[in-house]
Amino acid sequence: MLLTQEDGIVFKVAYNQIKKKKNLLLKSLNPNYDPYEVPATDIREVWKFCNYISSELPEEYWAKDRVLKRIEKMEAEMKDLKGSF
């Protein structure tokens, strides 16, 4: 988490670009947001993210769960087909 001069508080992963342009590359964990660069001089504070508590599971979990359910359904259908021969 960073506090920037322009954007205020942002939750991003920061990559050091100082050797190139004296900028930080900020990337969101949410793929809907594009990465962008911020001059290092615009950073006011940097906070390390440790963990969070949520009553909801991330979307990736549900996507995997749907795939597993489809595979289980296909396996059951194959068993039924195999038993009919």
N, C-alpha and C. Protein backbone atom coordinates (compact mmCIF):
# COMPACT_ATOMS: atom_id res chain seq x y z
N MET A 1 0.86 -1.15 0.00
CA MET A 1 0.00 0.00 0.00
C MET A 1 0.91 1.22 0.00
N LEU A 2 0.54 2.17 -0.83
CA LEU A 2 1.35 3.38 -0.94
C LEU A 2 0.48 4.62 -0.78
N LEU A 3 1.09 5.64 -0.25
CA LEU A 3 0.46 6.96 -0.22
C LEU A 3 1.23 7.81 -1.22
N THR A 4 0.53 8.24 -2.28
CA THR A 4 1.19 9.02 -3.33
C THR A 4 0.69 10.45 -3.32
N GLN A 5 1.50 11.32 -3.86
CA GLN A 5 1.14 12.74 -3.94
C GLN A 5 -0.11 12.94 -4.80
N GLU A 6 -0.18 12.24 -5.92
CA GLU A 6 -1.26 12.44 -6.89
C GLU A 6 -2.51 11.63 -6.60
N ASP A 7 -2.35 10.33 -6.29
CA ASP A 7 -3.50 9.41 -6.18
C ASP A 7 -3.97 9.15 -4.76
N GLY A 8 -3.23 9.60 -3.76
CA GLY A 8 -3.60 9.29 -2.38
C GLY A 8 -3.19 7.86 -2.06
N ILE A 9 -4.04 7.14 -1.32
CA ILE A 9 -3.72 5.77 -0.94
C ILE A 9 -4.09 4.81 -2.07
N VAL A 10 -3.12 3.99 -2.47
CA VAL A 10 -3.35 2.98 -3.50
C VAL A 10 -2.83 1.64 -2.99
N PHE A 11 -3.53 0.58 -3.35
CA PHE A 11 -3.12 -0.78 -2.98
C PHE A 11 -2.54 -1.43 -4.22
N LYS A 12 -1.23 -1.41 -4.35
CA LYS A 12 -0.54 -1.92 -5.53
C LYS A 12 0.73 -2.65 -5.12
N VAL A 13 1.23 -3.47 -6.02
CA VAL A 13 2.55 -4.07 -5.87
C VAL A 13 3.51 -3.11 -6.57
N ALA A 14 4.55 -2.68 -5.87
CA ALA A 14 5.49 -1.70 -6.42
C ALA A 14 6.77 -2.40 -6.88
N TYR A 15 7.19 -2.05 -8.09
CA TYR A 15 8.43 -2.57 -8.65
C TYR A 15 9.37 -1.39 -8.85
N ASN A 16 10.58 -1.56 -8.39
CA ASN A 16 11.58 -0.49 -8.43
C ASN A 16 12.09 -0.30 -9.85
N GLN A 17 11.88 0.88 -10.41
CA GLN A 17 12.35 1.22 -11.75
C GLN A 17 13.41 2.33 -11.67
N ILE A 18 13.97 2.54 -10.49
CA ILE A 18 14.86 3.69 -10.26
C ILE A 18 16.07 3.67 -11.18
N LYS A 19 16.63 2.50 -11.46
CA LYS A 19 17.81 2.45 -12.33
C LYS A 19 17.49 3.00 -13.71
N LYS A 20 16.27 2.81 -14.15
CA LYS A 20 15.87 3.28 -15.49
C LYS A 20 15.46 4.75 -15.47
N LYS A 21 14.38 5.04 -14.74
CA LYS A 21 13.75 6.35 -14.86
C LYS A 21 13.48 7.02 -13.53
N LYS A 22 13.95 6.44 -12.44
CA LYS A 22 13.64 6.95 -11.10
C LYS A 22 12.13 6.93 -10.84
N ASN A 23 11.48 5.87 -11.35
CA ASN A 23 10.05 5.67 -11.16
C ASN A 23 9.79 4.35 -10.47
N LEU A 24 8.60 4.22 -9.90
CA LEU A 24 8.11 2.94 -9.40
C LEU A 24 7.00 2.49 -10.33
N LEU A 25 7.04 1.23 -10.71
CA LEU A 25 5.97 0.64 -11.51
C LEU A 25 4.96 0.07 -10.53
N LEU A 26 3.72 0.53 -10.59
CA LEU A 26 2.67 0.07 -9.68
C LEU A 26 1.72 -0.85 -10.44
N LYS A 27 1.54 -2.06 -9.91
CA LYS A 27 0.65 -3.04 -10.53
C LYS A 27 -0.40 -3.47 -9.52
N SER A 28 -1.64 -3.54 -9.97
CA SER A 28 -2.73 -3.99 -9.13
C SER A 28 -2.84 -5.50 -9.19
N LEU A 29 -3.33 -6.12 -8.11
CA LEU A 29 -3.63 -7.55 -8.14
C LEU A 29 -4.91 -7.81 -8.93
N ASN A 30 -5.69 -6.77 -9.13
CA ASN A 30 -6.92 -6.86 -9.91
C ASN A 30 -6.57 -6.64 -11.38
N PRO A 31 -6.78 -7.64 -12.25
CA PRO A 31 -6.40 -7.52 -13.66
C PRO A 31 -7.20 -6.46 -14.42
N ASN A 32 -8.25 -5.91 -13.83
CA ASN A 32 -9.02 -4.86 -14.50
C ASN A 32 -8.30 -3.51 -14.51
N TYR A 33 -7.23 -3.40 -13.72
CA TYR A 33 -6.49 -2.14 -13.64
C TYR A 33 -5.12 -2.30 -14.28
N ASP A 34 -4.79 -1.39 -15.18
CA ASP A 34 -3.50 -1.42 -15.85
C ASP A 34 -2.39 -0.92 -14.93
N PRO A 35 -1.17 -1.46 -15.10
CA PRO A 35 -0.03 -0.93 -14.33
C PRO A 35 0.30 0.48 -14.81
N TYR A 36 0.92 1.24 -13.93
CA TYR A 36 1.36 2.58 -14.29
C TYR A 36 2.58 2.96 -13.47
N GLU A 37 3.33 3.93 -13.96
CA GLU A 37 4.54 4.38 -13.28
C GLU A 37 4.27 5.67 -12.52
N VAL A 38 4.97 5.78 -11.39
CA VAL A 38 4.88 6.97 -10.54
C VAL A 38 6.31 7.41 -10.23
N PRO A 39 6.61 8.69 -10.35
CA PRO A 39 7.95 9.14 -9.95
C PRO A 39 8.20 8.83 -8.48
N ALA A 40 9.38 8.34 -8.17
CA ALA A 40 9.72 7.99 -6.79
C ALA A 40 9.55 9.19 -5.86
N THR A 41 9.73 10.38 -6.37
CA THR A 41 9.60 11.59 -5.54
C THR A 41 8.15 11.85 -5.14
N ASP A 42 7.18 11.23 -5.83
CA ASP A 42 5.76 11.40 -5.51
C ASP A 42 5.28 10.46 -4.40
N ILE A 43 6.12 9.51 -4.00
CA ILE A 43 5.74 8.55 -2.94
C ILE A 43 5.95 9.20 -1.58
N ARG A 44 4.88 9.24 -0.79
CA ARG A 44 4.96 9.84 0.55
C ARG A 44 5.16 8.79 1.64
N GLU A 45 4.49 7.63 1.50
CA GLU A 45 4.61 6.54 2.47
C GLU A 45 4.47 5.21 1.76
N VAL A 46 5.11 4.18 2.31
CA VAL A 46 4.99 2.82 1.81
C VAL A 46 4.66 1.93 3.00
N TRP A 47 3.62 1.14 2.84
CA TRP A 47 3.19 0.21 3.90
C TRP A 47 3.27 -1.20 3.36
N LYS A 48 3.77 -2.13 4.17
CA LYS A 48 3.86 -3.52 3.77
C LYS A 48 2.53 -4.21 4.08
N PHE A 49 2.01 -4.92 3.09
CA PHE A 49 0.77 -5.68 3.26
C PHE A 49 1.11 -7.02 3.91
N CYS A 50 0.41 -7.37 4.97
CA CYS A 50 0.66 -8.63 5.67
C CYS A 50 -0.42 -9.66 5.41
N ASN A 51 -1.69 -9.32 5.66
CA ASN A 51 -2.78 -10.26 5.43
C ASN A 51 -4.11 -9.53 5.52
N TYR A 52 -5.16 -10.25 5.22
CA TYR A 52 -6.50 -9.68 5.34
C TYR A 52 -7.47 -10.78 5.75
N ILE A 53 -8.59 -10.37 6.27
CA ILE A 53 -9.63 -11.30 6.67
C ILE A 53 -10.86 -10.99 5.84
N SER A 54 -11.46 -12.03 5.28
CA SER A 54 -12.63 -11.82 4.43
C SER A 54 -13.58 -12.99 4.61
N SER A 55 -14.86 -12.71 4.51
CA SER A 55 -15.86 -13.77 4.56
C SER A 55 -16.16 -14.32 3.17
N GLU A 56 -15.55 -13.73 2.14
CA GLU A 56 -15.75 -14.18 0.76
C GLU A 56 -14.46 -14.77 0.21
N LEU A 57 -14.61 -15.82 -0.60
CA LEU A 57 -13.45 -16.43 -1.24
C LEU A 57 -13.14 -15.70 -2.53
N PRO A 58 -11.86 -15.65 -2.91
CA PRO A 58 -11.49 -14.98 -4.17
C PRO A 58 -12.11 -15.68 -5.37
N GLU A 59 -12.29 -14.95 -6.46
CA GLU A 59 -12.88 -15.47 -7.70
C GLU A 59 -12.14 -16.69 -8.21
N GLU A 60 -10.80 -16.71 -8.06
CA GLU A 60 -10.02 -17.84 -8.56
C GLU A 60 -10.48 -19.14 -7.92
N TYR A 61 -10.86 -19.10 -6.65
CA TYR A 61 -11.33 -20.30 -5.96
C TYR A 61 -12.60 -20.82 -6.63
N TRP A 62 -13.52 -19.91 -6.90
CA TRP A 62 -14.80 -20.33 -7.50
C TRP A 62 -14.58 -20.87 -8.90
N ALA A 63 -13.67 -20.28 -9.65
CA ALA A 63 -13.40 -20.76 -11.01
C ALA A 63 -12.86 -22.19 -10.96
N LYS A 64 -11.94 -22.46 -10.04
CA LYS A 64 -11.40 -23.82 -9.90
C LYS A 64 -12.49 -24.79 -9.46
N ASP A 65 -13.36 -24.33 -8.57
CA ASP A 65 -14.45 -25.16 -8.06
C ASP A 65 -15.39 -25.55 -9.20
N ARG A 66 -15.70 -24.61 -10.09
CA ARG A 66 -16.57 -24.90 -11.23
C ARG A 66 -15.93 -25.93 -12.15
N VAL A 67 -14.64 -25.81 -12.39
CA VAL A 67 -13.93 -26.76 -13.26
C VAL A 67 -13.96 -28.15 -12.63
N LEU A 68 -13.70 -28.22 -11.32
CA LEU A 68 -13.73 -29.53 -10.64
C LEU A 68 -15.11 -30.16 -10.72
N LYS A 69 -16.15 -29.37 -10.55
CA LYS A 69 -17.51 -29.90 -10.64
C LYS A 69 -17.80 -30.44 -12.04
N ARG A 70 -17.32 -29.74 -13.06
CA ARG A 70 -17.52 -30.21 -14.44
C ARG A 70 -16.80 -31.53 -14.67
N ILE A 71 -15.57 -31.64 -14.15
CA ILE A 71 -14.81 -32.88 -14.30
C ILE A 71 -15.53 -34.03 -13.59
N GLU A 72 -16.01 -33.76 -12.37
CA GLU A 72 -16.74 -34.80 -11.63
C GLU A 72 -17.99 -35.24 -12.37
N LYS A 73 -18.69 -34.29 -12.98
CA LYS A 73 -19.89 -34.62 -13.76
C LYS A 73 -19.53 -35.49 -14.96
N MET A 74 -18.44 -35.13 -15.64
CA MET A 74 -18.01 -35.90 -16.80
C MET A 74 -17.60 -37.31 -16.39
N GLU A 75 -16.92 -37.44 -15.24
CA GLU A 75 -16.53 -38.76 -14.75
C GLU A 75 -17.77 -39.61 -14.45
N ALA A 76 -18.78 -39.02 -13.85
CA ALA A 76 -20.01 -39.75 -13.54
C ALA A 76 -20.69 -40.19 -14.83
N GLU A 77 -20.73 -39.31 -15.83
CA GLU A 77 -21.32 -39.65 -17.12
C GLU A 77 -20.56 -40.78 -17.80
N MET A 78 -19.24 -40.75 -17.70
CA MET A 78 -18.42 -41.82 -18.29
C MET A 78 -18.68 -43.16 -17.60
N LYS A 79 -18.84 -43.12 -16.28
CA LYS A 79 -19.15 -44.35 -15.52
C LYS A 79 -20.49 -44.92 -15.98
N ASP A 80 -21.48 -44.03 -16.15
CA ASP A 80 -22.80 -44.47 -16.61
C ASP A 80 -22.71 -45.10 -17.99
N LEU A 81 -21.95 -44.47 -18.89
CA LEU A 81 -21.79 -44.98 -20.24
C LEU A 81 -21.07 -46.34 -20.21
N LYS A 82 -20.04 -46.43 -19.39
CA LYS A 82 -19.28 -47.67 -19.30
C LYS A 82 -20.15 -48.80 -18.76
N GLY A 83 -21.02 -48.50 -17.82
CA GLY A 83 -21.91 -49.50 -17.25
C GLY A 83 -23.00 -49.96 -18.20
N SER A 84 -23.30 -49.18 -19.22
CA SER A 84 -24.36 -49.55 -20.16
C SER A 84 -23.89 -50.48 -21.26
N PHE A 85 -22.57 -50.74 -21.32
CA PHE A 85 -22.06 -51.65 -22.35
C PHE A 85 -21.95 -53.04 -21.86
